[in-house]
Amino acid sequence: MPADSTLVFGVASDVTVMDRWLPQGLHVSDAGPDKVEAEGDLVPGDGSHEGLFRAQEDQLRVEWGGRDHPDYAGWLQVSDSASGTSEVTVHISLLDEPGSGERADEVRELLDRSLDRLADEVGRRVDDAS
């Protein structure tokens, strides 16, 4: 990522801007302390689903999971890298997912595009600060 870890974490943990970088077809909104509401094409079933969400600034870590879909969870960890840049590590768990090989490829592709959009969003913040 083209910025230090604190800035990247700030963007990645801000629920109000997540729609700019999360996979297209997924909309997330704040639903209260440690909760988000998710809806869209990538959410199983119809309507919206409540999810767990925790941003730990002291660890530069964001964790999430499906409250009504406990087979889905993940985390994003930001760490400093060289020359004012940082790295993002993401782990996603999709338990009991049928066709896991095909689904894993699809999830990787969505994740790659999302991380590219996150880097773009971070880059805009760096440019605006200059």
N, C-alpha and C. Protein backbone atom coordinates (compact mmCIF):
# COMPACT_ATOMS: atom_id res chain seq x y z
N MET A 1 0.84 -1.17 0.00
CA MET A 1 0.00 0.00 0.00
C MET A 1 0.89 1.24 0.00
N PRO A 2 0.43 2.29 -0.66
CA PRO A 2 1.27 3.47 -0.84
C PRO A 2 1.24 4.47 0.32
N ALA A 3 1.15 3.97 1.56
CA ALA A 3 1.13 4.86 2.73
C ALA A 3 1.52 4.06 3.96
N ASP A 4 1.73 4.78 5.07
CA ASP A 4 2.08 4.08 6.30
C ASP A 4 0.87 3.32 6.84
N SER A 5 1.13 2.41 7.75
CA SER A 5 0.10 1.48 8.23
C SER A 5 -1.07 2.18 8.93
N THR A 6 -0.81 3.28 9.61
CA THR A 6 -1.88 3.99 10.31
C THR A 6 -2.91 4.54 9.34
N LEU A 7 -2.45 5.12 8.24
CA LEU A 7 -3.37 5.66 7.23
C LEU A 7 -4.15 4.53 6.56
N VAL A 8 -3.46 3.46 6.20
CA VAL A 8 -4.13 2.33 5.54
C VAL A 8 -5.18 1.72 6.47
N PHE A 9 -4.83 1.54 7.74
CA PHE A 9 -5.79 1.01 8.70
C PHE A 9 -7.00 1.94 8.81
N GLY A 10 -6.75 3.25 8.84
CA GLY A 10 -7.84 4.21 8.94
C GLY A 10 -8.83 4.06 7.81
N VAL A 11 -8.35 3.86 6.60
CA VAL A 11 -9.23 3.68 5.44
C VAL A 11 -9.91 2.31 5.53
N ALA A 12 -9.16 1.27 5.80
CA ALA A 12 -9.70 -0.10 5.81
C ALA A 12 -10.74 -0.31 6.91
N SER A 13 -10.64 0.42 7.99
CA SER A 13 -11.56 0.21 9.12
C SER A 13 -12.73 1.19 9.13
N ASP A 14 -12.79 2.11 8.19
CA ASP A 14 -13.85 3.11 8.13
C ASP A 14 -15.04 2.55 7.35
N VAL A 15 -16.07 2.16 8.08
CA VAL A 15 -17.25 1.54 7.47
C VAL A 15 -17.88 2.47 6.44
N THR A 16 -17.79 3.78 6.64
CA THR A 16 -18.45 4.73 5.73
C THR A 16 -17.82 4.78 4.34
N VAL A 17 -16.59 4.27 4.18
CA VAL A 17 -15.95 4.28 2.85
C VAL A 17 -15.70 2.87 2.31
N MET A 18 -16.13 1.86 3.03
CA MET A 18 -15.87 0.48 2.58
C MET A 18 -16.47 0.15 1.22
N ASP A 19 -17.61 0.76 0.89
CA ASP A 19 -18.22 0.49 -0.42
C ASP A 19 -17.30 0.90 -1.57
N ARG A 20 -16.35 1.79 -1.31
CA ARG A 20 -15.42 2.23 -2.36
C ARG A 20 -14.39 1.17 -2.70
N TRP A 21 -14.13 0.25 -1.76
CA TRP A 21 -13.07 -0.72 -2.05
C TRP A 21 -13.47 -2.18 -1.87
N LEU A 22 -14.54 -2.47 -1.15
CA LEU A 22 -14.99 -3.86 -1.03
C LEU A 22 -15.48 -4.36 -2.39
N PRO A 23 -15.64 -5.67 -2.55
CA PRO A 23 -16.10 -6.20 -3.84
C PRO A 23 -17.39 -5.52 -4.28
N GLN A 24 -17.46 -5.24 -5.58
CA GLN A 24 -18.69 -4.67 -6.12
C GLN A 24 -19.80 -5.69 -5.92
N GLY A 25 -20.96 -5.22 -5.57
CA GLY A 25 -22.06 -6.12 -5.27
C GLY A 25 -22.18 -6.41 -3.79
N LEU A 26 -21.38 -5.72 -2.98
CA LEU A 26 -21.45 -5.87 -1.53
C LEU A 26 -21.54 -4.48 -0.92
N HIS A 27 -22.57 -4.26 -0.13
CA HIS A 27 -22.76 -2.97 0.54
C HIS A 27 -22.76 -3.22 2.04
N VAL A 28 -21.94 -2.46 2.76
CA VAL A 28 -21.83 -2.60 4.20
C VAL A 28 -22.15 -1.27 4.85
N SER A 29 -22.94 -1.31 5.93
CA SER A 29 -23.25 -0.10 6.68
C SER A 29 -23.15 -0.37 8.17
N ASP A 30 -22.94 0.68 8.92
CA ASP A 30 -22.81 0.60 10.38
C ASP A 30 -24.16 0.21 10.98
N ALA A 31 -24.14 -0.75 11.90
CA ALA A 31 -25.37 -1.20 12.56
C ALA A 31 -25.25 -1.11 14.07
N GLY A 32 -24.33 -0.29 14.56
CA GLY A 32 -24.14 -0.14 15.99
C GLY A 32 -22.78 -0.65 16.42
N PRO A 33 -22.51 -0.60 17.72
CA PRO A 33 -21.19 -1.03 18.22
C PRO A 33 -20.86 -2.47 17.83
N ASP A 34 -19.73 -2.63 17.19
CA ASP A 34 -19.21 -3.94 16.78
C ASP A 34 -20.14 -4.71 15.84
N LYS A 35 -21.00 -3.97 15.10
CA LYS A 35 -21.92 -4.62 14.17
C LYS A 35 -21.96 -3.86 12.85
N VAL A 36 -22.14 -4.61 11.78
CA VAL A 36 -22.40 -4.03 10.46
C VAL A 36 -23.58 -4.77 9.84
N GLU A 37 -24.16 -4.13 8.87
CA GLU A 37 -25.22 -4.75 8.08
C GLU A 37 -24.67 -4.92 6.67
N ALA A 38 -24.80 -6.10 6.10
CA ALA A 38 -24.30 -6.39 4.75
C ALA A 38 -25.46 -6.79 3.86
N GLU A 39 -25.43 -6.29 2.63
CA GLU A 39 -26.44 -6.67 1.65
C GLU A 39 -25.82 -6.58 0.27
N GLY A 40 -26.48 -7.22 -0.68
CA GLY A 40 -26.01 -7.17 -2.06
C GLY A 40 -25.91 -8.55 -2.68
N ASP A 41 -25.39 -8.56 -3.90
CA ASP A 41 -25.30 -9.79 -4.69
C ASP A 41 -24.42 -10.85 -4.05
N LEU A 42 -23.44 -10.45 -3.28
CA LEU A 42 -22.50 -11.40 -2.69
C LEU A 42 -22.93 -11.94 -1.34
N VAL A 43 -24.04 -11.43 -0.83
CA VAL A 43 -24.54 -11.86 0.47
C VAL A 43 -25.52 -13.00 0.24
N PRO A 44 -25.36 -14.12 0.96
CA PRO A 44 -26.26 -15.26 0.75
C PRO A 44 -27.71 -14.93 1.10
N GLY A 45 -28.62 -15.48 0.32
CA GLY A 45 -30.03 -15.27 0.58
C GLY A 45 -30.51 -13.90 0.15
N ASP A 46 -31.69 -13.56 0.58
CA ASP A 46 -32.29 -12.28 0.24
C ASP A 46 -32.16 -11.31 1.42
N GLY A 47 -32.20 -10.04 1.12
CA GLY A 47 -32.20 -9.03 2.17
C GLY A 47 -30.81 -8.76 2.71
N SER A 48 -30.79 -8.26 3.92
CA SER A 48 -29.52 -7.92 4.55
C SER A 48 -29.24 -8.85 5.72
N HIS A 49 -27.98 -8.89 6.09
CA HIS A 49 -27.55 -9.75 7.19
C HIS A 49 -26.69 -8.95 8.14
N GLU A 50 -26.89 -9.19 9.42
CA GLU A 50 -26.08 -8.54 10.44
C GLU A 50 -24.78 -9.29 10.60
N GLY A 51 -23.70 -8.54 10.70
CA GLY A 51 -22.40 -9.15 10.89
C GLY A 51 -21.66 -8.53 12.06
N LEU A 52 -20.70 -9.26 12.55
CA LEU A 52 -19.83 -8.76 13.62
C LEU A 52 -18.68 -8.00 12.98
N PHE A 53 -18.24 -6.94 13.62
CA PHE A 53 -17.17 -6.11 13.08
C PHE A 53 -16.39 -5.51 14.24
N ARG A 54 -15.08 -5.67 14.18
CA ARG A 54 -14.24 -5.09 15.22
C ARG A 54 -12.98 -4.53 14.59
N ALA A 55 -12.71 -3.27 14.86
CA ALA A 55 -11.48 -2.62 14.40
C ALA A 55 -10.62 -2.35 15.62
N GLN A 56 -9.43 -2.93 15.64
CA GLN A 56 -8.52 -2.78 16.77
C GLN A 56 -7.35 -1.90 16.34
N GLU A 57 -7.46 -0.61 16.66
CA GLU A 57 -6.45 0.35 16.22
C GLU A 57 -5.07 0.03 16.79
N ASP A 58 -5.02 -0.43 18.04
CA ASP A 58 -3.72 -0.71 18.65
C ASP A 58 -3.00 -1.88 17.97
N GLN A 59 -3.75 -2.73 17.26
CA GLN A 59 -3.15 -3.86 16.55
C GLN A 59 -3.21 -3.69 15.03
N LEU A 60 -3.83 -2.59 14.56
CA LEU A 60 -4.01 -2.32 13.13
C LEU A 60 -4.68 -3.52 12.46
N ARG A 61 -5.75 -3.99 13.10
CA ARG A 61 -6.43 -5.20 12.66
C ARG A 61 -7.94 -4.98 12.61
N VAL A 62 -8.56 -5.49 11.57
CA VAL A 62 -10.01 -5.46 11.41
C VAL A 62 -10.48 -6.91 11.33
N GLU A 63 -11.50 -7.24 12.10
CA GLU A 63 -12.05 -8.59 12.11
C GLU A 63 -13.55 -8.52 11.82
N TRP A 64 -14.07 -9.51 11.11
CA TRP A 64 -15.49 -9.53 10.79
C TRP A 64 -15.97 -10.97 10.70
N GLY A 65 -17.27 -11.11 10.78
CA GLY A 65 -17.89 -12.43 10.64
C GLY A 65 -19.38 -12.30 10.49
N GLY A 66 -19.99 -13.34 9.99
CA GLY A 66 -21.44 -13.35 9.82
C GLY A 66 -22.12 -13.78 11.09
N ARG A 67 -22.96 -12.92 11.63
CA ARG A 67 -23.69 -13.28 12.85
C ARG A 67 -24.70 -14.39 12.54
N ASP A 68 -25.44 -14.24 11.44
CA ASP A 68 -26.41 -15.26 11.08
C ASP A 68 -25.84 -16.27 10.08
N HIS A 69 -24.58 -16.11 9.72
CA HIS A 69 -23.84 -17.07 8.88
C HIS A 69 -22.48 -17.30 9.52
N PRO A 70 -22.43 -18.11 10.57
CA PRO A 70 -21.17 -18.29 11.31
C PRO A 70 -20.07 -19.01 10.53
N ASP A 71 -20.39 -19.51 9.34
CA ASP A 71 -19.38 -20.19 8.54
C ASP A 71 -18.49 -19.22 7.78
N TYR A 72 -18.77 -17.92 7.91
CA TYR A 72 -17.99 -16.91 7.20
C TYR A 72 -17.35 -15.97 8.22
N ALA A 73 -16.04 -15.77 8.09
CA ALA A 73 -15.31 -14.84 8.96
C ALA A 73 -14.01 -14.44 8.27
N GLY A 74 -13.41 -13.39 8.76
CA GLY A 74 -12.14 -12.97 8.19
C GLY A 74 -11.48 -11.89 9.02
N TRP A 75 -10.26 -11.58 8.64
CA TRP A 75 -9.54 -10.48 9.26
C TRP A 75 -8.58 -9.85 8.26
N LEU A 76 -8.26 -8.60 8.53
CA LEU A 76 -7.32 -7.82 7.73
C LEU A 76 -6.32 -7.21 8.69
N GLN A 77 -5.05 -7.41 8.41
CA GLN A 77 -3.98 -6.91 9.27
C GLN A 77 -3.07 -6.00 8.45
N VAL A 78 -2.77 -4.83 8.98
CA VAL A 78 -1.88 -3.88 8.30
C VAL A 78 -0.56 -3.82 9.06
N SER A 79 0.55 -3.80 8.33
CA SER A 79 1.86 -3.67 8.97
C SER A 79 2.74 -2.75 8.12
N ASP A 80 3.66 -2.07 8.80
CA ASP A 80 4.57 -1.17 8.10
C ASP A 80 5.54 -1.96 7.25
N SER A 81 5.92 -1.34 6.15
CA SER A 81 6.91 -1.91 5.24
C SER A 81 7.99 -0.86 5.06
N ALA A 82 8.77 -0.97 4.02
CA ALA A 82 9.88 -0.04 3.79
C ALA A 82 9.41 1.29 3.21
N SER A 83 10.15 2.32 3.47
CA SER A 83 9.98 3.64 2.84
C SER A 83 8.58 4.21 2.93
N GLY A 84 7.94 4.12 4.09
CA GLY A 84 6.63 4.74 4.27
C GLY A 84 5.48 4.00 3.63
N THR A 85 5.69 2.79 3.18
CA THR A 85 4.62 1.98 2.63
C THR A 85 4.17 0.96 3.67
N SER A 86 3.16 0.20 3.36
CA SER A 86 2.70 -0.83 4.29
C SER A 86 2.18 -2.03 3.51
N GLU A 87 1.96 -3.10 4.25
CA GLU A 87 1.44 -4.34 3.67
C GLU A 87 0.12 -4.68 4.34
N VAL A 88 -0.77 -5.29 3.57
CA VAL A 88 -2.05 -5.74 4.09
C VAL A 88 -2.13 -7.24 3.89
N THR A 89 -2.46 -7.94 4.96
CA THR A 89 -2.68 -9.38 4.90
C THR A 89 -4.15 -9.62 5.21
N VAL A 90 -4.80 -10.43 4.39
CA VAL A 90 -6.21 -10.74 4.59
C VAL A 90 -6.38 -12.25 4.69
N HIS A 91 -7.21 -12.65 5.64
CA HIS A 91 -7.54 -14.07 5.79
C HIS A 91 -9.07 -14.18 5.78
N ILE A 92 -9.59 -15.05 4.93
CA ILE A 92 -11.03 -15.26 4.85
C ILE A 92 -11.30 -16.74 5.05
N SER A 93 -12.26 -17.04 5.91
CA SER A 93 -12.70 -18.42 6.15
C SER A 93 -14.09 -18.60 5.60
N LEU A 94 -14.24 -19.57 4.70
CA LEU A 94 -15.55 -19.95 4.16
C LEU A 94 -15.73 -21.43 4.47
N LEU A 95 -16.27 -21.72 5.62
CA LEU A 95 -16.45 -23.11 6.05
C LEU A 95 -17.69 -23.70 5.41
N ASP A 96 -17.69 -25.00 5.22
CA ASP A 96 -18.83 -25.72 4.66
C ASP A 96 -19.32 -25.12 3.35
N GLU A 97 -18.39 -24.63 2.53
CA GLU A 97 -18.72 -24.02 1.25
C GLU A 97 -18.67 -25.09 0.16
N PRO A 98 -19.79 -25.36 -0.54
CA PRO A 98 -19.74 -26.35 -1.62
C PRO A 98 -18.91 -25.84 -2.79
N GLY A 99 -18.27 -26.74 -3.51
CA GLY A 99 -17.44 -26.34 -4.65
C GLY A 99 -16.30 -25.43 -4.23
N SER A 100 -15.64 -25.76 -3.14
CA SER A 100 -14.66 -24.85 -2.53
C SER A 100 -13.52 -24.47 -3.47
N GLY A 101 -13.12 -25.34 -4.40
CA GLY A 101 -12.04 -25.00 -5.33
C GLY A 101 -12.45 -23.87 -6.25
N GLU A 102 -13.63 -23.98 -6.84
CA GLU A 102 -14.15 -22.92 -7.71
C GLU A 102 -14.39 -21.64 -6.91
N ARG A 103 -14.98 -21.76 -5.76
CA ARG A 103 -15.28 -20.61 -4.91
C ARG A 103 -14.00 -19.93 -4.45
N ALA A 104 -12.97 -20.71 -4.15
CA ALA A 104 -11.70 -20.13 -3.70
C ALA A 104 -11.10 -19.26 -4.80
N ASP A 105 -11.16 -19.70 -6.04
CA ASP A 105 -10.65 -18.89 -7.15
C ASP A 105 -11.44 -17.60 -7.29
N GLU A 106 -12.75 -17.69 -7.18
CA GLU A 106 -13.60 -16.50 -7.27
C GLU A 106 -13.29 -15.52 -6.13
N VAL A 107 -13.15 -16.05 -4.92
CA VAL A 107 -12.85 -15.20 -3.76
C VAL A 107 -11.49 -14.53 -3.93
N ARG A 108 -10.49 -15.27 -4.43
CA ARG A 108 -9.16 -14.66 -4.66
C ARG A 108 -9.24 -13.51 -5.65
N GLU A 109 -10.01 -13.70 -6.72
CA GLU A 109 -10.15 -12.66 -7.73
C GLU A 109 -10.85 -11.43 -7.14
N LEU A 110 -11.92 -11.63 -6.38
CA LEU A 110 -12.61 -10.52 -5.73
C LEU A 110 -11.69 -9.82 -4.74
N LEU A 111 -10.91 -10.59 -4.02
CA LEU A 111 -9.99 -10.03 -3.04
C LEU A 111 -8.90 -9.21 -3.71
N ASP A 112 -8.33 -9.72 -4.79
CA ASP A 112 -7.30 -8.97 -5.53
C ASP A 112 -7.83 -7.63 -6.01
N ARG A 113 -9.03 -7.64 -6.59
CA ARG A 113 -9.62 -6.38 -7.07
C ARG A 113 -9.92 -5.43 -5.92
N SER A 114 -10.39 -5.98 -4.80
CA SER A 114 -10.69 -5.15 -3.64
C SER A 114 -9.42 -4.51 -3.07
N LEU A 115 -8.36 -5.27 -2.99
CA LEU A 115 -7.10 -4.71 -2.48
C LEU A 115 -6.54 -3.65 -3.43
N ASP A 116 -6.72 -3.84 -4.73
CA ASP A 116 -6.32 -2.80 -5.69
C ASP A 116 -7.12 -1.52 -5.45
N ARG A 117 -8.43 -1.66 -5.23
CA ARG A 117 -9.27 -0.48 -4.97
C ARG A 117 -8.92 0.16 -3.63
N LEU A 118 -8.57 -0.66 -2.63
CA LEU A 118 -8.12 -0.12 -1.34
C LEU A 118 -6.84 0.70 -1.55
N ALA A 119 -5.91 0.17 -2.33
CA ALA A 119 -4.67 0.90 -2.61
C ALA A 119 -4.97 2.21 -3.34
N ASP A 120 -5.93 2.21 -4.26
CA ASP A 120 -6.33 3.43 -4.96
C ASP A 120 -6.92 4.44 -3.98
N GLU A 121 -7.77 3.98 -3.08
CA GLU A 121 -8.39 4.87 -2.09
C GLU A 121 -7.33 5.46 -1.16
N VAL A 122 -6.39 4.65 -0.74
CA VAL A 122 -5.29 5.13 0.10
C VAL A 122 -4.46 6.13 -0.69
N GLY A 123 -4.16 5.82 -1.94
CA GLY A 123 -3.39 6.74 -2.78
C GLY A 123 -4.05 8.09 -2.93
N ARG A 124 -5.40 8.11 -3.05
CA ARG A 124 -6.12 9.39 -3.14
C ARG A 124 -5.94 10.19 -1.85
N ARG A 125 -5.94 9.52 -0.71
CA ARG A 125 -5.74 10.22 0.57
C ARG A 125 -4.34 10.82 0.64
N VAL A 126 -3.35 10.07 0.16
CA VAL A 126 -1.97 10.56 0.14
C VAL A 126 -1.87 11.76 -0.78
N ASP A 127 -2.46 11.67 -1.96
CA ASP A 127 -2.44 12.79 -2.93
C ASP A 127 -3.14 14.01 -2.37
N ASP A 128 -4.28 13.82 -1.71
CA ASP A 128 -5.03 14.95 -1.14
C ASP A 128 -4.23 15.64 -0.03
N ALA A 129 -3.45 14.85 0.72
CA ALA A 129 -2.65 15.42 1.81
C ALA A 129 -1.45 16.20 1.28
N SER A 130 -1.04 15.91 0.05
CA SER A 130 0.15 16.59 -0.50
C SER A 130 -0.16 17.96 -0.90
